[in-house]
Amino acid sequence: MRLIYKGENEIAAVLIPAPKFLATLTGTDEEKLIHLANKDLPTGTKYEIIADDVDLSDRTFRDAWTYTAGSDEKTSEDLSAEDLAKYNMKENR
């Protein structure tokens, strides 16, 4: 599973998690990706979790991709103080 969100200049961006990092987290795959979104995306970023089988291989017009919110859209939230300390972060993005 991956995250797709609206990146810089309103262009769709994809975050592909490192399997090694995901293995350090507990919970379901969806809970792990929600945690990753909260850690790596700026607070308040709208995103969706997409399956690995969604084909994103055609990069010909990748800069022209746009992100359109779907029914499963989520919003990144602040990490807890405990998680900030765990990742040596001073503040949320």
PDB file of N, CA and C in Angstrom:
ATOM      1  N   MET A   1       0.842  -1.174   0.000  1.00  0.00           N
ATOM      2  CA  MET A   1       0.000   0.000   0.000  1.00  0.00           C
ATOM      3  C   MET A   1       0.890   1.241   0.000  1.00  0.00           C
ATOM      4  N   ARG A   2       0.337   2.326  -0.548  1.00  0.00           N
ATOM      5  CA  ARG A   2       1.070   3.580  -0.678  1.00  0.00           C
ATOM      6  C   ARG A   2       0.140   4.741  -0.345  1.00  0.00           C
ATOM      7  N   LEU A   3       0.739   5.912  -0.197  1.00  0.00           N
ATOM      8  CA  LEU A   3      -0.041   7.123   0.038  1.00  0.00           C
ATOM      9  C   LEU A   3       0.031   7.986  -1.211  1.00  0.00           C
ATOM     10  N   ILE A   4      -1.085   8.565  -1.586  1.00  0.00           N
ATOM     11  CA  ILE A   4      -1.110   9.532  -2.677  1.00  0.00           C
ATOM     12  C   ILE A   4      -1.713  10.810  -2.099  1.00  0.00           C
ATOM     13  N   TYR A   5      -1.093  11.936  -2.427  1.00  0.00           N
ATOM     14  CA  TYR A   5      -1.526  13.209  -1.856  1.00  0.00           C
ATOM     15  C   TYR A   5      -1.179  14.339  -2.815  1.00  0.00           C
ATOM     16  N   LYS A   6      -1.698  15.515  -2.521  1.00  0.00           N
ATOM     17  CA  LYS A   6      -1.418  16.686  -3.345  1.00  0.00           C
ATOM     18  C   LYS A   6      -0.112  17.292  -2.858  1.00  0.00           C
ATOM     19  N   GLY A   7       0.896  17.255  -3.712  1.00  0.00           N
ATOM     20  CA  GLY A   7       2.212  17.780  -3.362  1.00  0.00           C
ATOM     21  C   GLY A   7       2.373  19.217  -3.798  1.00  0.00           C
ATOM     22  N   GLU A   8       3.626  19.601  -3.998  1.00  0.00           N
ATOM     23  CA  GLU A   8       3.930  20.959  -4.412  1.00  0.00           C
ATOM     24  C   GLU A   8       3.257  21.298  -5.738  1.00  0.00           C
ATOM     25  N   ASN A   9       2.853  22.536  -5.886  1.00  0.00           N
ATOM     26  CA  ASN A   9       2.219  23.029  -7.110  1.00  0.00           C
ATOM     27  C   ASN A   9       0.967  22.249  -7.480  1.00  0.00           C
ATOM     28  N   GLU A  10       0.303  21.685  -6.459  1.00  0.00           N
ATOM     29  CA  GLU A  10      -0.965  20.973  -6.677  1.00  0.00           C
ATOM     30  C   GLU A  10      -0.817  19.700  -7.504  1.00  0.00           C
ATOM     31  N   ILE A  11       0.398  19.182  -7.644  1.00  0.00           N
ATOM     32  CA  ILE A  11       0.646  17.973  -8.435  1.00  0.00           C
ATOM     33  C   ILE A  11       0.576  16.765  -7.516  1.00  0.00           C
ATOM     34  N   ALA A  12      -0.027  15.694  -7.997  1.00  0.00           N
ATOM     35  CA  ALA A  12      -0.144  14.470  -7.213  1.00  0.00           C
ATOM     36  C   ALA A  12       1.239  13.921  -6.885  1.00  0.00           C
ATOM     37  N   ALA A  13       1.384  13.435  -5.660  1.00  0.00           N
ATOM     38  CA  ALA A  13       2.642  12.851  -5.206  1.00  0.00           C
ATOM     39  C   ALA A  13       2.344  11.496  -4.576  1.00  0.00           C
ATOM     40  N   VAL A  14       3.324  10.619  -4.613  1.00  0.00           N
ATOM     41  CA  VAL A  14       3.166   9.271  -4.066  1.00  0.00           C
ATOM     42  C   VAL A  14       4.253   9.044  -3.022  1.00  0.00           C
ATOM     43  N   LEU A  15       3.852   8.541  -1.870  1.00  0.00           N
ATOM     44  CA  LEU A  15       4.803   8.172  -0.829  1.00  0.00           C
ATOM     45  C   LEU A  15       4.782   6.651  -0.719  1.00  0.00           C
ATOM     46  N   ILE A  16       5.915   6.038  -0.993  1.00  0.00           N
ATOM     47  CA  ILE A  16       6.030   4.578  -0.923  1.00  0.00           C
ATOM     48  C   ILE A  16       6.822   4.248   0.341  1.00  0.00           C
ATOM     49  N   PRO A  17       6.183   3.589   1.307  1.00  0.00           N
ATOM     50  CA  PRO A  17       6.867   3.323   2.573  1.00  0.00           C
ATOM     51  C   PRO A  17       7.954   2.260   2.439  1.00  0.00           C
ATOM     52  N   ALA A  18       8.989   2.404   3.245  1.00  0.00           N
ATOM     53  CA  ALA A  18      10.058   1.411   3.296  1.00  0.00           C
ATOM     54  C   ALA A  18       9.557   0.213   4.106  1.00  0.00           C
ATOM     55  N   PRO A  19       9.596  -0.984   3.530  1.00  0.00           N
ATOM     56  CA  PRO A  19       9.117  -2.172   4.247  1.00  0.00           C
ATOM     57  C   PRO A  19       9.802  -2.359   5.606  1.00  0.00           C
ATOM     58  N   LYS A  20      11.089  -2.020   5.688  1.00  0.00           N
ATOM     59  CA  LYS A  20      11.827  -2.166   6.935  1.00  0.00           C
ATOM     60  C   LYS A  20      11.237  -1.264   8.023  1.00  0.00           C
ATOM     61  N   PHE A  21      10.851  -0.026   7.652  1.00  0.00           N
ATOM     62  CA  PHE A  21      10.246   0.885   8.621  1.00  0.00           C
ATOM     63  C   PHE A  21       8.868   0.382   9.026  1.00  0.00           C
ATOM     64  N   LEU A  22       8.061  -0.036   8.062  1.00  0.00           N
ATOM     65  CA  LEU A  22       6.719  -0.525   8.378  1.00  0.00           C
ATOM     66  C   LEU A  22       6.770  -1.701   9.349  1.00  0.00           C
ATOM     67  N   ALA A  23       7.802  -2.531   9.224  1.00  0.00           N
ATOM     68  CA  ALA A  23       7.930  -3.699  10.099  1.00  0.00           C
ATOM     69  C   ALA A  23       8.166  -3.297  11.554  1.00  0.00           C
ATOM     70  N   THR A  24       8.614  -2.060  11.785  1.00  0.00           N
ATOM     71  CA  THR A  24       8.855  -1.614  13.157  1.00  0.00           C
ATOM     72  C   THR A  24       7.580  -1.124  13.827  1.00  0.00           C
ATOM     73  N   LEU A  25       6.520  -0.934  13.060  1.00  0.00           N
ATOM     74  CA  LEU A  25       5.263  -0.420  13.595  1.00  0.00           C
ATOM     75  C   LEU A  25       4.311  -1.550  13.942  1.00  0.00           C
ATOM     76  N   THR A  26       3.364  -1.259  14.837  1.00  0.00           N
ATOM     77  CA  THR A  26       2.336  -2.232  15.179  1.00  0.00           C
ATOM     78  C   THR A  26       1.009  -1.769  14.591  1.00  0.00           C
ATOM     79  N   GLY A  27       0.076  -2.688  14.476  1.00  0.00           N
ATOM     80  CA  GLY A  27      -1.247  -2.365  13.959  1.00  0.00           C
ATOM     81  C   GLY A  27      -1.463  -2.939  12.575  1.00  0.00           C
ATOM     82  N   THR A  28      -2.603  -2.608  12.006  1.00  0.00           N
ATOM     83  CA  THR A  28      -2.933  -3.069  10.657  1.00  0.00           C
ATOM     84  C   THR A  28      -2.112  -2.282   9.646  1.00  0.00           C
ATOM     85  N   ASP A  29      -2.093  -2.748   8.409  1.00  0.00           N
ATOM     86  CA  ASP A  29      -1.378  -2.011   7.361  1.00  0.00           C
ATOM     87  C   ASP A  29      -1.922  -0.589   7.231  1.00  0.00           C
ATOM     88  N   GLU A  30      -3.237  -0.439   7.318  1.00  0.00           N
ATOM     89  CA  GLU A  30      -3.830   0.901   7.202  1.00  0.00           C
ATOM     90  C   GLU A  30      -3.398   1.780   8.372  1.00  0.00           C
ATOM     91  N   GLU A  31      -3.381   1.240   9.581  1.00  0.00           N
ATOM     92  CA  GLU A  31      -2.945   2.020  10.741  1.00  0.00           C
ATOM     93  C   GLU A  31      -1.479   2.434  10.605  1.00  0.00           C
ATOM     94  N   LYS A  32      -0.663   1.556  10.061  1.00  0.00           N
ATOM     95  CA  LYS A  32       0.747   1.874   9.853  1.00  0.00           C
ATOM     96  C   LYS A  32       0.904   3.018   8.855  1.00  0.00           C
ATOM     97  N   LEU A  33       0.100   2.995   7.776  1.00  0.00           N
ATOM     98  CA  LEU A  33       0.197   4.057   6.773  1.00  0.00           C
ATOM     99  C   LEU A  33      -0.352   5.378   7.299  1.00  0.00           C
ATOM    100  N   ILE A  34      -1.362   5.322   8.137  1.00  0.00           N
ATOM    101  CA  ILE A  34      -1.873   6.547   8.757  1.00  0.00           C
ATOM    102  C   ILE A  34      -0.783   7.154   9.640  1.00  0.00           C
ATOM    103  N   HIS A  35      -0.090   6.311  10.396  1.00  0.00           N
ATOM    104  CA  HIS A  35       1.023   6.786  11.226  1.00  0.00           C
ATOM    105  C   HIS A  35       2.107   7.424  10.348  1.00  0.00           C
ATOM    106  N   LEU A  36       2.426   6.759   9.246  1.00  0.00           N
ATOM    107  CA  LEU A  36       3.443   7.278   8.328  1.00  0.00           C
ATOM    108  C   LEU A  36       3.025   8.632   7.758  1.00  0.00           C
ATOM    109  N   ALA A  37       1.752   8.764   7.397  1.00  0.00           N
ATOM    110  CA  ALA A  37       1.254  10.048   6.880  1.00  0.00           C
ATOM    111  C   ALA A  37       1.399  11.137   7.942  1.00  0.00           C
ATOM    112  N   ASN A  38       1.066  10.806   9.180  1.00  0.00           N
ATOM    113  CA  ASN A  38       1.189  11.789  10.260  1.00  0.00           C
ATOM    114  C   ASN A  38       2.648  12.170  10.502  1.00  0.00           C
ATOM    115  N   LYS A  39       3.554  11.231  10.273  1.00  0.00           N
ATOM    116  CA  LYS A  39       4.979  11.473  10.490  1.00  0.00           C
ATOM    117  C   LYS A  39       5.604  12.266   9.349  1.00  0.00           C
ATOM    118  N   ASP A  40       5.281  11.899   8.111  1.00  0.00           N
ATOM    119  CA  ASP A  40       6.025  12.424   6.960  1.00  0.00           C
ATOM    120  C   ASP A  40       5.317  13.509   6.150  1.00  0.00           C
ATOM    121  N   LEU A  41       4.022  13.655   6.295  1.00  0.00           N
ATOM    122  CA  LEU A  41       3.310  14.696   5.556  1.00  0.00           C
ATOM    123  C   LEU A  41       3.052  15.884   6.470  1.00  0.00           C
ATOM    124  N   PRO A  42       3.044  17.086   5.925  1.00  0.00           N
ATOM    125  CA  PRO A  42       2.702  18.248   6.757  1.00  0.00           C
ATOM    126  C   PRO A  42       1.313  18.080   7.372  1.00  0.00           C
ATOM    127  N   THR A  43       1.163  18.512   8.610  1.00  0.00           N
ATOM    128  CA  THR A  43      -0.123  18.422   9.286  1.00  0.00           C
ATOM    129  C   THR A  43      -1.209  19.077   8.437  1.00  0.00           C
ATOM    130  N   GLY A  44      -2.328  18.394   8.297  1.00  0.00           N
ATOM    131  CA  GLY A  44      -3.452  18.911   7.521  1.00  0.00           C
ATOM    132  C   GLY A  44      -3.447  18.509   6.065  1.00  0.00           C
ATOM    133  N   THR A  45      -2.460  17.719   5.640  1.00  0.00           N
ATOM    134  CA  THR A  45      -2.388  17.273   4.244  1.00  0.00           C
ATOM    135  C   THR A  45      -3.453  16.218   3.988  1.00  0.00           C
ATOM    136  N   LYS A  46      -4.209  16.390   2.936  1.00  0.00           N
ATOM    137  CA  LYS A  46      -5.213  15.402   2.529  1.00  0.00           C
ATOM    138  C   LYS A  46      -4.517  14.317   1.724  1.00  0.00           C
ATOM    139  N   TYR A  47      -4.869  13.054   1.988  1.00  0.00           N
ATOM    140  CA  TYR A  47      -4.231  11.933   1.299  1.00  0.00           C
ATOM    141  C   TYR A  47      -5.180  10.740   1.243  1.00  0.00           C
ATOM    142  N   GLU A  48      -4.815   9.790   0.420  1.00  0.00           N
ATOM    143  CA  GLU A  48      -5.530   8.515   0.375  1.00  0.00           C
ATOM    144  C   GLU A  48      -4.521   7.384   0.375  1.00  0.00           C
ATOM    145  N   ILE A  49      -4.941   6.267   0.903  1.00  0.00           N
ATOM    146  CA  ILE A  49      -4.136   5.053   0.877  1.00  0.00           C
ATOM    147  C   ILE A  49      -4.564   4.275  -0.362  1.00  0.00           C
ATOM    148  N   ILE A  50      -3.593   3.920  -1.200  1.00  0.00           N
ATOM    149  CA  ILE A  50      -3.915   3.169  -2.415  1.00  0.00           C
ATOM    150  C   ILE A  50      -3.205   1.819  -2.388  1.00  0.00           C
ATOM    151  N   ALA A  51      -3.762   0.881  -3.098  1.00  0.00           N
ATOM    152  CA  ALA A  51      -3.205  -0.469  -3.155  1.00  0.00           C
ATOM    153  C   ALA A  51      -1.943  -0.504  -4.006  1.00  0.00           C
ATOM    154  N   ASP A  52      -1.117  -1.499  -3.739  1.00  0.00           N
ATOM    155  CA  ASP A  52       0.117  -1.669  -4.513  1.00  0.00           C
ATOM    156  C   ASP A  52      -0.161  -1.968  -5.980  1.00  0.00           C
ATOM    157  N   ASP A  53      -1.337  -2.523  -6.273  1.00  0.00           N
ATOM    158  CA  ASP A  53      -1.610  -2.907  -7.661  1.00  0.00           C
ATOM    159  C   ASP A  53      -2.109  -1.750  -8.528  1.00  0.00           C
ATOM    160  N   VAL A  54      -2.248  -0.542  -7.954  1.00  0.00           N
ATOM    161  CA  VAL A  54      -2.598   0.624  -8.760  1.00  0.00           C
ATOM    162  C   VAL A  54      -1.372   0.960  -9.604  1.00  0.00           C
ATOM    163  N   ASP A  55      -1.551   0.958 -10.915  1.00  0.00           N
ATOM    164  CA  ASP A  55      -0.418   1.139 -11.834  1.00  0.00           C
ATOM    165  C   ASP A  55      -0.057   2.617 -11.977  1.00  0.00           C
ATOM    166  N   LEU A  56       1.121   2.968 -11.474  1.00  0.00           N
ATOM    167  CA  LEU A  56       1.628   4.338 -11.582  1.00  0.00           C
ATOM    168  C   LEU A  56       2.918   4.362 -12.386  1.00  0.00           C
ATOM    169  N   SER A  57       3.099   3.362 -13.243  1.00  0.00           N
ATOM    170  CA  SER A  57       4.370   3.213 -13.945  1.00  0.00           C
ATOM    171  C   SER A  57       4.556   4.175 -15.112  1.00  0.00           C
ATOM    172  N   ASP A  58       3.481   4.681 -15.687  1.00  0.00           N
ATOM    173  CA  ASP A  58       3.615   5.600 -16.817  1.00  0.00           C
ATOM    174  C   ASP A  58       3.988   6.989 -16.303  1.00  0.00           C
ATOM    175  N   ARG A  59       5.240   7.359 -16.431  1.00  0.00           N
ATOM    176  CA  ARG A  59       5.735   8.642 -15.929  1.00  0.00           C
ATOM    177  C   ARG A  59       5.794   9.713 -17.020  1.00  0.00           C
ATOM    178  N   THR A  60       5.285   9.400 -18.205  1.00  0.00           N
ATOM    179  CA  THR A  60       5.365  10.320 -19.326  1.00  0.00           C
ATOM    180  C   THR A  60       4.856  11.711 -18.964  1.00  0.00           C
ATOM    181  N   PHE A  61       3.694  11.782 -18.375  1.00  0.00           N
ATOM    182  CA  PHE A  61       3.096  13.068 -18.022  1.00  0.00           C
ATOM    183  C   PHE A  61       2.897  13.171 -16.512  1.00  0.00           C
ATOM    184  N   ARG A  62       3.832  12.582 -15.760  1.00  0.00           N
ATOM    185  CA  ARG A  62       3.678  12.539 -14.315  1.00  0.00           C
ATOM    186  C   ARG A  62       3.504  13.931 -13.705  1.00  0.00           C
ATOM    187  N   ASP A  63       4.190  14.936 -14.210  1.00  0.00           N
ATOM    188  CA  ASP A  63       4.043  16.278 -13.655  1.00  0.00           C
ATOM    189  C   ASP A  63       2.661  16.866 -13.926  1.00  0.00           C
ATOM    190  N   ALA A  64       1.928  16.245 -14.817  1.00  0.00           N
ATOM    191  CA  ALA A  64       0.582  16.731 -15.128  1.00  0.00           C
ATOM    192  C   ALA A  64      -0.491  16.004 -14.322  1.00  0.00           C
ATOM    193  N   TRP A  65      -0.100  14.972 -13.551  1.00  0.00           N
ATOM    194  CA  TRP A  65      -1.084  14.266 -12.732  1.00  0.00           C
ATOM    195  C   TRP A  65      -1.698  15.239 -11.737  1.00  0.00           C
ATOM    196  N   THR A  66      -2.958  15.062 -11.464  1.00  0.00           N
ATOM    197  CA  THR A  66      -3.601  15.851 -10.423  1.00  0.00           C
ATOM    198  C   THR A  66      -4.248  14.893  -9.429  1.00  0.00           C
ATOM    199  N   TYR A  67      -4.365  15.341  -8.205  1.00  0.00           N
ATOM    200  CA  TYR A  67      -4.976  14.538  -7.156  1.00  0.00           C
ATOM    201  C   TYR A  67      -6.401  15.007  -6.975  1.00  0.00           C
ATOM    202  N   THR A  68      -7.335  14.093  -7.103  1.00  0.00           N
ATOM    203  CA  THR A  68      -8.739  14.385  -6.871  1.00  0.00           C
ATOM    204  C   THR A  68      -9.182  13.555  -5.678  1.00  0.00           C
ATOM    205  N   ALA A  69      -9.710  14.210  -4.686  1.00  0.00           N
ATOM    206  CA  ALA A  69     -10.114  13.515  -3.466  1.00  0.00           C
ATOM    207  C   ALA A  69     -11.181  12.481  -3.756  1.00  0.00           C
ATOM    208  N   GLY A  70     -11.066  11.365  -3.063  1.00  0.00           N
ATOM    209  CA  GLY A  70     -12.047  10.303  -3.168  1.00  0.00           C
ATOM    210  C   GLY A  70     -12.773  10.122  -1.849  1.00  0.00           C
ATOM    211  N   SER A  71     -13.619   9.135  -1.782  1.00  0.00           N
ATOM    212  CA  SER A  71     -14.425   8.914  -0.583  1.00  0.00           C
ATOM    213  C   SER A  71     -13.608   8.428   0.606  1.00  0.00           C
ATOM    214  N   ASP A  72     -12.404   7.921   0.367  1.00  0.00           N
ATOM    215  CA  ASP A  72     -11.558   7.413   1.450  1.00  0.00           C
ATOM    216  C   ASP A  72     -10.502   8.414   1.895  1.00  0.00           C
ATOM    217  N   GLU A  73     -10.656   9.667   1.523  1.00  0.00           N
ATOM    218  CA  GLU A  73      -9.642  10.673   1.838  1.00  0.00           C
ATOM    219  C   GLU A  73      -9.505  10.853   3.348  1.00  0.00           C
ATOM    220  N   LYS A  74      -8.258  10.991   3.787  1.00  0.00           N
ATOM    221  CA  LYS A  74      -7.934  11.224   5.186  1.00  0.00           C
ATOM    222  C   LYS A  74      -7.122  12.515   5.267  1.00  0.00           C
ATOM    223  N   THR A  75      -6.901  13.017   6.486  1.00  0.00           N
ATOM    224  CA  THR A  75      -6.103  14.213   6.708  1.00  0.00           C
ATOM    225  C   THR A  75      -5.028  13.901   7.736  1.00  0.00           C
ATOM    226  N   SER A  76      -3.775  14.251   7.430  1.00  0.00           N
ATOM    227  CA  SER A  76      -2.682  13.983   8.372  1.00  0.00           C
ATOM    228  C   SER A  76      -2.856  14.826   9.625  1.00  0.00           C
ATOM    229  N   GLU A  77      -2.417  14.257  10.746  1.00  0.00           N
ATOM    230  CA  GLU A  77      -2.558  14.910  12.041  1.00  0.00           C
ATOM    231  C   GLU A  77      -1.199  15.035  12.704  1.00  0.00           C
ATOM    232  N   ASP A  78      -1.144  15.784  13.799  1.00  0.00           N
ATOM    233  CA  ASP A  78       0.094  15.930  14.562  1.00  0.00           C
ATOM    234  C   ASP A  78       0.475  14.607  15.209  1.00  0.00           C
ATOM    235  N   LEU A  79       1.779  14.371  15.308  1.00  0.00           N
ATOM    236  CA  LEU A  79       2.282  13.238  16.068  1.00  0.00           C
ATOM    237  C   LEU A  79       2.219  13.571  17.557  1.00  0.00           C
ATOM    238  N   SER A  80       2.135  12.543  18.379  1.00  0.00           N
ATOM    239  CA  SER A  80       2.165  12.756  19.826  1.00  0.00           C
ATOM    240  C   SER A  80       3.579  13.163  20.244  1.00  0.00           C
ATOM    241  N   ALA A  81       3.697  13.713  21.447  1.00  0.00           N
ATOM    242  CA  ALA A  81       5.021  14.095  21.965  1.00  0.00           C
ATOM    243  C   ALA A  81       5.931  12.872  22.041  1.00  0.00           C
ATOM    244  N   GLU A  82       5.354  11.722  22.371  1.00  0.00           N
ATOM    245  CA  GLU A  82       6.133  10.480  22.450  1.00  0.00           C
ATOM    246  C   GLU A  82       6.698  10.098  21.079  1.00  0.00           C
ATOM    247  N   ASP A  83       5.863  10.186  20.032  1.00  0.00           N
ATOM    248  CA  ASP A  83       6.331   9.859  18.683  1.00  0.00           C
ATOM    249  C   ASP A  83       7.354  10.870  18.173  1.00  0.00           C
ATOM    250  N   LEU A  84       7.150  12.151  18.487  1.00  0.00           N
ATOM    251  CA  LEU A  84       8.136  13.162  18.093  1.00  0.00           C
ATOM    252  C   LEU A  84       9.502  12.823  18.688  1.00  0.00           C
ATOM    253  N   ALA A  85       9.516  12.451  19.947  1.00  0.00           N
ATOM    254  CA  ALA A  85      10.777  12.091  20.607  1.00  0.00           C
ATOM    255  C   ALA A  85      11.385  10.850  19.973  1.00  0.00           C
ATOM    256  N   LYS A  86      10.546   9.876  19.640  1.00  0.00           N
ATOM    257  CA  LYS A  86      11.035   8.627  19.042  1.00  0.00           C
ATOM    258  C   LYS A  86      11.748   8.889  17.719  1.00  0.00           C
ATOM    259  N   TYR A  87      11.266   9.856  16.942  1.00  0.00           N
ATOM    260  CA  TYR A  87      11.851  10.164  15.628  1.00  0.00           C
ATOM    261  C   TYR A  87      12.827  11.345  15.692  1.00  0.00           C
ATOM    262  N   ASN A  88      13.176  11.782  16.895  1.00  0.00           N
ATOM    263  CA  ASN A  88      14.080  12.926  17.078  1.00  0.00           C
ATOM    264  C   ASN A  88      13.589  14.160  16.331  1.00  0.00           C
ATOM    265  N   MET A  89      12.283  14.372  16.395  1.00  0.00           N
ATOM    266  CA  MET A  89      11.678  15.548  15.769  1.00  0.00           C
ATOM    267  C   MET A  89      11.317  16.533  16.870  1.00  0.00           C
ATOM    268  N   LYS A  90      11.530  17.809  16.642  1.00  0.00           N
ATOM    269  CA  LYS A  90      11.201  18.822  17.633  1.00  0.00           C
ATOM    270  C   LYS A  90       9.753  19.293  17.509  1.00  0.00           C
ATOM    271  N   GLU A  91       9.226  19.232  16.288  1.00  0.00           N
ATOM    272  CA  GLU A  91       7.848  19.674  16.061  1.00  0.00           C
ATOM    273  C   GLU A  91       7.267  18.946  14.867  1.00  0.00           C
ATOM    274  N   ASN A  92       5.955  19.007  14.768  1.00  0.00           N
ATOM    275  CA  ASN A  92       5.279  18.424  13.618  1.00  0.00           C
ATOM    276  C   ASN A  92       5.528  19.276  12.399  1.00  0.00           C
ATOM    277  N   ARG A  93       5.450  18.646  11.242  1.00  0.00           N
ATOM    278  CA  ARG A  93       5.653  19.365   9.980  1.00  0.00           C
ATOM    279  C   ARG A  93       4.547  20.337   9.728  1.00  0.00           C
TER     280      ARG A  93
END
